[in-house]
Amino acid sequence: MSAVKSTIPDNISEEYYQISIEILNSFPKYRPPLDLFRFREDIAQLQPLFRKGERLSNENIEQLRELCIGGDVFVARSDRAIYSKHIIKQLDLVLVDDNLKPAEVAEICIMALGQRLSDFLEQPVKPVFDLFYRDVMVFTEYIWQDRHRLRSFMRRVSRTHTLVSHSLNTLFVGLWLLLETDATLKRRLLDRAALALLLHDLGMAKVPAFILSKTTPLKLEERDKITPHPLIGAKIMHKLGLAFDEMRQAQMEHHERLDGSGYPQKLGADRVSRMGRIAAVADSFSAMICQRPYAKAMDPMTAAAHLAKDRQKYDPKYTAKLQTAVAQNLFEPPAQTSPPAA
């Protein structure tokens, strides 16, 4: 979206989105997916322009384009669910949408990344990965522009445990730990860390669903189907030509522990990488704050304290930062609003 004209009253930008030409071009050409409004500068008010689903003529389209270039086309924020559902298909639009609030961008990004990740987990092939990668790069560009934007995502960590929600939680927590402990972080590492954290549990997609949903202790043969999941995920990414260090470390080391008690390689503290240490803390915390079939959800403060206490297994550098995040209420859910439709 373009910048709001100085002649447009502030209350309008609070109730309406101003549409840029990039946003307009993303809509179906002849039938707008939501109501469109025109700003009348002579009366400083918005008036209906075209209705949702209305068939536009070529003349209407040209008129709409000219008004849009002039910054005079708006949609109502009450249509946020429709707008959000539309924009997740072209996530890069959030980078040109100056009037989207951080909370709205976070919700849109979470929906888009969740859908792309779900598609890739179901079909881990290169064409599907390319779409997923494109949206992850939009997310990292958004965070790179202002790392404080990550706070809006952390306030939206899910308390419902699915592979997708867990992966997103681990992404937000893990990136925060990385950014808080590396002031000179390069963009390339941010991109790689985001991909690695999102796909750290890729191998779990190959574990039978009935095992993941069990509420009773696993049998030995069932546990044997879970333990190799780090290696399975690493093999999938290797076949796609994406076995860079951060990816391999996050996938292979998120269950490793500093005292050598983890799996699958039982690495000691001197062999667990920085990415592995971050992934271990983020993965464990993200799981602990969710209700799972075999464990009750902990509140963030209790979960962070539990990890900080276990200094033999988790790096105190990162568990301390996690406690700081909890103390700053970064995991407090935002005030209830009408969420966009998934």
Protein backbone atom coordinates (compact mmCIF):
# COMPACT_ATOMS: atom_id res chain seq x y z
CA MET A 1 0.00 0.00 0.00
CA SER A 2 1.12 3.52 -0.68
CA ALA A 3 1.61 6.20 1.92
CA VAL A 4 -1.58 7.92 3.04
CA LYS A 5 -1.98 11.40 1.59
CA SER A 6 -1.66 14.26 4.04
CA THR A 7 -5.19 15.35 3.09
CA ILE A 8 -6.69 12.06 4.25
CA PRO A 9 -8.00 12.20 7.84
CA ASP A 10 -6.22 9.91 10.32
CA ASN A 11 -9.43 8.11 11.25
CA ILE A 12 -9.75 6.82 7.68
CA SER A 13 -6.39 5.03 7.80
CA GLU A 14 -7.51 3.46 11.09
CA GLU A 15 -10.66 2.01 9.50
CA TYR A 16 -9.52 1.40 5.93
CA TYR A 17 -6.55 0.01 4.02
CA GLN A 18 -5.18 2.19 1.25
CA ILE A 19 -4.55 0.08 -1.86
CA SER A 20 -1.39 0.51 -3.94
CA ILE A 21 -1.09 -0.48 -7.59
CA GLU A 22 0.84 -3.63 -6.53
CA ILE A 23 -2.06 -4.72 -4.33
CA LEU A 24 -4.62 -3.89 -7.02
CA ASN A 25 -2.73 -5.92 -9.62
CA SER A 26 -2.88 -8.94 -7.33
CA PHE A 27 -6.71 -8.90 -7.35
CA PRO A 28 -8.79 -10.67 -10.03
CA LYS A 29 -8.94 -8.18 -12.89
CA TYR A 30 -12.68 -8.03 -13.53
CA ARG A 31 -14.22 -8.96 -10.17
CA PRO A 32 -12.79 -7.37 -6.99
CA PRO A 33 -12.74 -9.81 -4.05
CA LEU A 34 -14.01 -7.14 -1.63
CA ASP A 35 -15.70 -3.73 -1.61
CA LEU A 36 -13.62 -0.85 -2.97
CA PHE A 37 -13.93 2.76 -1.85
CA ARG A 38 -12.81 6.04 -3.40
CA PHE A 39 -11.47 8.98 -1.42
CA ARG A 40 -13.12 12.27 -2.37
CA GLU A 41 -10.65 15.01 -1.54
CA ASP A 42 -13.23 17.78 -2.01
CA ILE A 43 -15.32 16.46 0.89
CA ALA A 44 -12.53 14.53 2.68
CA GLN A 45 -14.64 11.37 2.78
CA LEU A 46 -14.69 7.86 1.35
CA GLN A 47 -17.50 6.83 -0.96
CA PRO A 48 -18.35 3.38 -2.39
CA LEU A 49 -16.65 2.76 -5.74
CA PHE A 50 -17.18 -0.90 -6.70
CA ARG A 51 -18.86 -3.72 -4.81
CA LYS A 52 -17.40 -7.14 -4.10
CA GLY A 53 -17.85 -9.46 -7.08
CA GLU A 54 -19.18 -6.70 -9.29
CA ARG A 55 -18.25 -7.23 -12.94
CA LEU A 56 -15.97 -4.39 -14.05
CA SER A 57 -15.77 -3.09 -17.60
CA ASN A 58 -12.48 -2.18 -19.25
CA GLU A 59 -13.36 1.45 -18.61
CA ASN A 60 -13.93 0.68 -14.91
CA ILE A 61 -10.57 -1.06 -14.74
CA GLU A 62 -8.75 1.90 -16.25
CA GLN A 63 -10.57 4.31 -13.89
CA LEU A 64 -9.70 2.13 -10.92
CA ARG A 65 -6.06 1.98 -11.96
CA GLU A 66 -5.78 5.77 -12.26
CA LEU A 67 -7.43 6.33 -8.89
CA CYS A 68 -5.15 3.73 -7.34
CA ILE A 69 -2.02 5.38 -8.71
CA GLY A 70 -3.27 8.62 -7.16
CA GLY A 71 -3.65 6.94 -3.76
CA ASP A 72 -7.44 7.25 -3.72
CA VAL A 73 -8.58 3.58 -3.49
CA PHE A 74 -9.33 1.91 -0.15
CA VAL A 75 -10.83 -1.27 1.32
CA ALA A 76 -12.43 -1.54 4.74
CA ARG A 77 -10.49 -3.06 7.63
CA SER A 78 -13.72 -4.86 8.49
CA ASP A 79 -12.93 -6.95 5.39
CA ARG A 80 -9.62 -7.93 6.96
CA ALA A 81 -10.40 -11.65 6.84
CA ILE A 82 -10.98 -11.55 3.08
CA TYR A 83 -7.99 -9.31 2.49
CA SER A 84 -5.70 -11.50 4.61
CA LYS A 85 -6.86 -14.69 2.95
CA HIS A 86 -6.07 -13.07 -0.38
CA ILE A 87 -2.68 -11.58 0.46
CA ILE A 88 -1.22 -14.81 1.88
CA LYS A 89 -1.09 -16.03 -1.71
CA GLN A 90 1.32 -13.20 -2.52
CA LEU A 91 3.10 -12.65 0.76
CA ASP A 92 5.62 -10.21 -0.67
CA LEU A 93 2.82 -7.64 -0.76
CA VAL A 94 3.28 -7.10 2.99
CA LEU A 95 6.62 -5.48 2.15
CA VAL A 96 4.96 -2.73 0.11
CA ASP A 97 1.96 -2.30 2.39
CA ASP A 98 2.89 0.66 4.58
CA ASN A 99 -0.48 0.78 6.33
CA LEU A 100 -0.59 -2.79 7.59
CA LYS A 101 -0.09 -2.83 11.35
CA PRO A 102 2.63 -5.14 12.80
CA ALA A 103 -0.05 -7.36 14.33
CA GLU A 104 -1.76 -7.73 10.96
CA VAL A 105 1.49 -8.55 9.18
CA ALA A 106 2.32 -11.16 11.82
CA GLU A 107 -1.06 -12.86 11.41
CA ILE A 108 -0.79 -12.84 7.62
CA CYS A 109 2.78 -14.21 7.68
CA ILE A 110 1.86 -16.96 10.14
CA MET A 111 -1.02 -18.07 7.92
CA ALA A 112 1.11 -17.98 4.78
CA LEU A 113 4.13 -19.76 6.27
CA GLY A 114 1.89 -22.32 7.92
CA GLN A 115 0.18 -23.16 4.63
CA ARG A 116 3.44 -23.33 2.67
CA LEU A 117 5.07 -25.50 5.34
CA SER A 118 2.06 -27.82 5.46
CA ASP A 119 2.23 -28.25 1.69
CA PHE A 120 5.96 -29.03 1.83
CA LEU A 121 5.60 -31.53 4.69
CA GLU A 122 2.98 -33.33 2.64
CA GLN A 123 5.00 -33.21 -0.57
CA PRO A 124 8.72 -32.51 0.08
CA VAL A 125 9.76 -31.89 -3.52
CA LYS A 126 11.65 -29.00 -5.12
CA PRO A 127 8.71 -27.13 -6.77
CA VAL A 128 6.80 -27.08 -3.48
CA PHE A 129 9.94 -26.08 -1.58
CA ASP A 130 10.52 -23.16 -3.95
CA LEU A 131 7.15 -21.64 -3.01
CA PHE A 132 7.89 -22.22 0.66
CA TYR A 133 11.36 -20.68 0.31
CA ARG A 134 9.95 -17.58 -1.38
CA ASP A 135 7.65 -16.84 1.55
CA VAL A 136 10.34 -17.55 4.15
CA MET A 137 12.53 -14.96 2.41
CA VAL A 138 9.68 -12.42 2.62
CA PHE A 139 9.46 -13.09 6.35
CA THR A 140 13.22 -12.70 6.89
CA GLU A 141 13.28 -9.50 4.83
CA TYR A 142 10.50 -8.12 7.03
CA ILE A 143 12.44 -9.00 10.19
CA TRP A 144 15.75 -7.80 8.72
CA GLN A 145 14.25 -4.35 8.18
CA ASP A 146 13.45 -4.14 11.91
CA ARG A 147 14.32 -7.01 14.27
CA HIS A 148 11.86 -5.69 16.88
CA ARG A 149 9.07 -6.85 14.57
CA LEU A 150 9.78 -10.38 15.77
CA ARG A 151 8.00 -9.51 19.02
CA SER A 152 4.63 -9.52 17.25
CA PHE A 153 5.29 -13.10 16.17
CA MET A 154 6.41 -14.26 19.61
CA ARG A 155 3.16 -12.99 21.11
CA ARG A 156 1.40 -15.30 18.70
CA VAL A 157 3.14 -18.59 19.49
CA SER A 158 0.57 -21.33 19.30
CA ARG A 159 -0.49 -23.28 22.38
CA THR A 160 -1.91 -26.06 20.19
CA HIS A 161 0.63 -28.70 19.26
CA THR A 162 0.80 -29.72 15.60
CA LEU A 163 3.93 -30.23 13.53
CA VAL A 164 3.28 -26.96 11.68
CA SER A 165 2.53 -24.86 14.77
CA HIS A 166 5.51 -26.37 16.61
CA SER A 167 7.81 -25.55 13.69
CA LEU A 168 6.57 -21.96 13.58
CA ASN A 169 6.97 -21.59 17.35
CA THR A 170 10.52 -22.89 17.11
CA LEU A 171 11.25 -20.43 14.31
CA PHE A 172 10.12 -17.40 16.31
CA VAL A 173 11.80 -18.42 19.57
CA GLY A 174 14.98 -19.60 17.88
CA LEU A 175 15.39 -16.46 15.79
CA TRP A 176 14.87 -14.29 18.85
CA LEU A 177 17.60 -16.19 20.71
CA LEU A 178 19.93 -15.80 17.72
CA LEU A 179 19.25 -12.08 17.25
CA GLU A 180 19.60 -11.36 20.98
CA THR A 181 23.01 -13.00 21.14
CA ASP A 182 24.51 -11.87 17.81
CA ALA A 183 24.44 -8.12 17.24
CA THR A 184 26.47 -8.45 14.01
CA LEU A 185 24.32 -11.15 12.43
CA LYS A 186 24.60 -11.20 8.64
CA ARG A 187 21.52 -11.44 6.44
CA ARG A 188 22.62 -14.72 4.90
CA LEU A 189 22.77 -16.37 8.31
CA LEU A 190 19.33 -15.01 9.21
CA ASP A 191 17.89 -16.58 6.05
CA ARG A 192 19.58 -19.91 6.68
CA ALA A 193 18.66 -19.97 10.36
CA ALA A 194 15.00 -19.30 9.55
CA LEU A 195 14.87 -22.18 7.07
CA ALA A 196 16.74 -24.48 9.43
CA LEU A 197 14.50 -23.73 12.42
CA LEU A 198 11.32 -24.11 10.40
CA LEU A 199 12.44 -27.47 9.02
CA HIS A 200 14.23 -28.81 12.11
CA ASP A 201 11.48 -31.40 12.65
CA LEU A 202 10.89 -32.26 9.00
CA GLY A 203 11.55 -35.95 9.69
CA MET A 204 8.57 -36.09 12.07
CA ALA A 205 6.28 -35.89 9.04
CA LYS A 206 7.34 -39.48 8.28
CA VAL A 207 6.38 -40.81 11.75
CA PRO A 208 3.00 -42.63 11.77
CA ALA A 209 0.22 -40.40 13.11
CA PHE A 210 -1.03 -43.03 15.57
CA ILE A 211 2.33 -42.92 17.37
CA LEU A 212 2.33 -39.14 17.67
CA SER A 213 -1.21 -39.13 19.08
CA LYS A 214 -0.65 -41.81 21.74
CA THR A 215 -1.46 -40.82 25.32
CA THR A 216 0.22 -43.86 26.86
CA PRO A 217 3.97 -44.64 27.05
CA LEU A 218 5.45 -45.70 23.74
CA LYS A 219 6.54 -49.27 23.15
CA LEU A 220 10.17 -49.84 22.23
CA GLU A 221 9.35 -50.49 18.57
CA GLU A 222 7.24 -47.30 18.47
CA ARG A 223 10.02 -45.23 20.00
CA ASP A 224 12.39 -46.65 17.41
CA LYS A 225 10.24 -45.02 14.72
CA ILE A 226 10.66 -41.57 16.32
CA THR A 227 14.36 -41.59 17.21
CA PRO A 228 15.63 -41.53 13.56
CA HIS A 229 13.54 -38.48 12.58
CA PRO A 230 16.51 -36.05 12.69
CA LEU A 231 18.39 -38.21 10.17
CA ILE A 232 15.30 -38.62 7.99
CA GLY A 233 14.82 -34.85 7.80
CA ALA A 234 18.49 -34.30 6.97
CA LYS A 235 18.32 -36.89 4.18
CA ILE A 236 15.28 -35.21 2.61
CA MET A 237 17.01 -31.84 2.52
CA HIS A 238 20.23 -33.44 1.23
CA LYS A 239 18.29 -34.89 -1.72
CA LEU A 240 17.00 -31.38 -2.46
CA GLY A 241 20.55 -30.01 -2.41
CA LEU A 242 19.95 -27.96 0.74
CA ALA A 243 22.23 -29.64 3.26
CA PHE A 244 23.98 -26.43 4.36
CA ASP A 245 25.55 -26.36 7.83
CA GLU A 246 22.74 -24.57 9.71
CA MET A 247 20.11 -26.90 8.25
CA ARG A 248 22.08 -30.02 9.14
CA GLN A 249 22.86 -28.73 12.63
CA ALA A 250 19.26 -27.79 13.48
CA GLN A 251 17.91 -31.09 12.20
CA MET A 252 20.57 -33.38 13.61
CA GLU A 253 21.24 -31.62 16.93
CA HIS A 254 17.92 -30.30 18.29
CA HIS A 255 17.63 -33.42 20.46
CA GLU A 256 21.30 -33.48 21.44
CA ARG A 257 22.15 -32.43 25.02
CA LEU A 258 25.33 -30.91 26.40
CA ASP A 259 25.90 -33.84 28.77
CA GLY A 260 25.80 -36.33 25.89
CA SER A 261 22.43 -37.81 26.88
CA GLY A 262 20.59 -36.74 23.72
CA TYR A 263 20.13 -38.41 20.34
CA PRO A 264 20.76 -39.47 17.64
CA GLN A 265 24.56 -39.06 17.98
CA LYS A 266 24.93 -38.48 21.74
CA LEU A 267 27.18 -35.49 21.14
CA GLY A 268 28.86 -33.81 24.09
CA ALA A 269 29.04 -30.08 24.76
CA ASP A 270 32.22 -29.67 22.75
CA ARG A 271 30.54 -31.03 19.62
CA VAL A 272 27.10 -29.35 19.70
CA SER A 273 27.06 -26.31 17.38
CA ARG A 274 25.58 -22.89 18.13
CA MET A 275 22.65 -23.64 15.83
CA GLY A 276 22.13 -26.97 17.58
CA ARG A 277 22.11 -25.32 21.02
CA ILE A 278 19.60 -22.69 19.92
CA ALA A 279 17.39 -25.27 18.22
CA ALA A 280 17.45 -27.47 21.33
CA VAL A 281 16.23 -24.66 23.60
CA ALA A 282 13.66 -23.35 21.11
CA ASP A 283 12.35 -26.83 20.25
CA SER A 284 11.99 -27.91 23.89
CA PHE A 285 10.37 -24.65 25.01
CA SER A 286 7.95 -24.64 22.06
CA ALA A 287 6.85 -28.17 22.89
CA MET A 288 6.54 -27.58 26.64
CA ILE A 289 4.14 -24.63 26.37
CA CYS A 290 1.71 -26.66 24.23
CA GLN A 291 -0.85 -29.24 25.26
CA ARG A 292 0.35 -32.58 23.92
CA PRO A 293 -1.28 -36.02 24.05
CA TYR A 294 1.24 -37.22 26.63
CA ALA A 295 1.95 -34.00 28.56
CA LYS A 296 0.10 -30.97 29.88
CA ALA A 297 1.07 -27.51 28.70
CA MET A 298 3.32 -25.43 30.97
CA ASP A 299 3.05 -21.68 31.23
CA PRO A 300 6.03 -19.93 29.59
CA MET A 301 7.60 -18.89 32.90
CA THR A 302 7.59 -22.44 34.25
CA ALA A 303 8.91 -23.90 30.99
CA ALA A 304 11.74 -21.36 30.74
CA ALA A 305 12.70 -21.90 34.39
CA HIS A 306 12.73 -25.66 33.88
CA LEU A 307 15.16 -25.36 30.96
CA ALA A 308 17.37 -22.85 32.78
CA LYS A 309 17.63 -25.19 35.75
CA ASP A 310 18.86 -28.05 33.55
CA ARG A 311 22.28 -26.50 32.89
CA GLN A 312 23.86 -29.86 32.12
CA LYS A 313 21.65 -30.30 29.07
CA TYR A 314 20.80 -26.81 27.78
CA ASP A 315 23.15 -23.91 27.11
CA PRO A 316 22.70 -21.36 29.94
CA LYS A 317 23.46 -18.53 27.51
CA TYR A 318 20.24 -19.22 25.63
CA THR A 319 18.04 -20.33 28.52
CA ALA A 320 18.89 -17.06 30.29
CA LYS A 321 17.81 -15.09 27.22
CA LEU A 322 14.62 -17.12 27.10
CA GLN A 323 13.85 -16.21 30.71
CA THR A 324 14.43 -12.56 29.82
CA ALA A 325 11.87 -12.86 27.02
CA VAL A 326 9.33 -14.32 29.44
CA ALA A 327 10.05 -11.58 31.98
CA GLN A 328 9.43 -8.97 29.27
CA ASN A 329 6.02 -10.56 28.59
CA LEU A 330 6.98 -11.35 25.00
CA PHE A 331 4.83 -14.46 25.09
CA GLU A 332 1.74 -12.67 26.37
CA PRO A 333 -1.03 -13.09 23.77
CA PRO A 334 -2.27 -9.85 22.21
CA ALA A 335 -5.66 -8.43 23.10
CA GLN A 336 -8.45 -10.36 21.41
CA THR A 337 -9.34 -9.08 17.97
CA SER A 338 -11.26 -10.60 15.12
CA PRO A 339 -8.63 -12.89 13.59
CA PRO A 340 -8.40 -13.33 9.85
CA ALA A 341 -9.94 -16.49 8.48
CA ALA A 342 -7.44 -19.28 7.91
